[in-house]
Amino acid sequence: MRYRDISGKEIVNVYHGSRLGILGQTDLEIDEETGQIKSLIIPNYKWFGLKKEGEEIKINWRSIKKIGEDMIMIEME
């Protein structure tokens, strides 16, 4: 799967039923040796997405349960 295939999808936590953001507004943590994605890092935006504030949400790649047509479903507390 390529990044462009998952870019633009909404990220939803099925544990809480909450929307976390849209892939494309996130950073990726990549393993330097293998080139595989280790985690997604979602910044906390304020002011209508113009300013980053506060802590980021780091989602381990193993927390991803399903990648659908419109969204990526994760499960984490």
Protein backbone atom coordinates (compact mmCIF):
# COMPACT_ATOMS: atom_id res chain seq x y z
CA MET A 1 0.00 0.00 0.00
CA ARG A 2 1.30 3.43 -0.91
CA TYR A 3 0.95 6.65 1.06
CA ARG A 4 -1.20 8.20 -1.67
CA ASP A 5 -3.66 5.29 -1.24
CA ILE A 6 -4.26 6.15 2.43
CA SER A 7 -3.77 9.92 2.30
CA GLY A 8 -6.92 11.95 2.90
CA LYS A 9 -8.64 9.24 4.96
CA GLU A 10 -10.21 10.12 8.30
CA ILE A 11 -8.63 8.47 11.37
CA VAL A 12 -11.20 7.17 13.88
CA ASN A 13 -10.54 5.57 17.26
CA VAL A 14 -13.08 2.75 17.64
CA TYR A 15 -12.26 2.42 21.35
CA HIS A 16 -13.65 5.92 22.11
CA GLY A 17 -15.63 6.51 18.92
CA SER A 18 -13.68 9.73 18.35
CA ARG A 19 -12.32 11.38 15.23
CA LEU A 20 -8.59 12.09 15.49
CA GLY A 21 -7.84 13.80 12.20
CA ILE A 22 -7.22 13.24 8.54
CA LEU A 23 -4.17 11.50 7.20
CA GLY A 24 -2.28 14.14 5.32
CA GLN A 25 -2.37 16.46 8.31
CA THR A 26 -0.12 13.98 10.11
CA ASP A 27 3.57 13.17 10.26
CA LEU A 28 4.97 9.69 9.84
CA GLU A 29 7.66 8.03 11.92
CA ILE A 30 9.66 5.77 9.61
CA ASP A 31 12.09 3.01 10.62
CA GLU A 32 15.44 4.07 9.18
CA GLU A 33 16.64 0.53 8.54
CA THR A 34 13.56 -1.04 6.95
CA GLY A 35 11.73 2.02 5.60
CA GLN A 36 8.46 0.81 7.18
CA ILE A 37 6.04 3.13 8.94
CA LYS A 38 6.37 2.81 12.73
CA SER A 39 3.71 5.30 13.77
CA LEU A 40 1.46 8.18 12.74
CA ILE A 41 1.91 11.46 14.62
CA ILE A 42 -1.16 13.69 14.69
CA PRO A 43 -0.50 17.29 15.76
CA ASN A 44 -2.98 19.16 17.95
CA TYR A 45 -4.20 22.10 15.83
CA LYS A 46 -5.86 25.24 17.14
CA TRP A 47 -7.21 28.31 15.34
CA PHE A 48 -8.92 26.42 12.50
CA GLY A 49 -5.90 24.28 11.71
CA LEU A 50 -3.43 27.15 11.46
CA LYS A 51 -1.43 26.73 14.66
CA LYS A 52 0.00 23.64 16.34
CA GLU A 53 -0.44 23.58 20.11
CA GLY A 54 -0.13 21.10 22.94
CA GLU A 55 0.75 17.45 22.76
CA GLU A 56 0.71 15.32 19.67
CA ILE A 57 -1.08 11.99 19.41
CA LYS A 58 1.25 9.16 18.45
CA ILE A 59 -0.47 6.12 16.93
CA ASN A 60 1.56 2.94 16.70
CA TRP A 61 1.14 1.21 13.33
CA ARG A 62 0.06 -1.94 15.19
CA SER A 63 -2.95 -0.03 16.61
CA ILE A 64 -4.45 0.23 13.12
CA LYS A 65 -7.25 -2.33 12.86
CA LYS A 66 -8.76 -1.61 9.44
CA ILE A 67 -8.09 0.67 6.48
CA GLY A 68 -11.33 1.24 4.61
CA GLU A 69 -12.35 3.30 1.60
CA ASP A 70 -13.00 6.47 3.61
CA MET A 71 -11.37 5.95 6.98
CA ILE A 72 -8.66 4.31 9.01
CA MET A 73 -9.92 2.63 12.17
CA ILE A 74 -7.57 2.34 15.11
CA GLU A 75 -7.99 0.93 18.59
CA MET A 76 -6.12 2.56 21.45
CA GLU A 77 -6.92 4.04 24.85
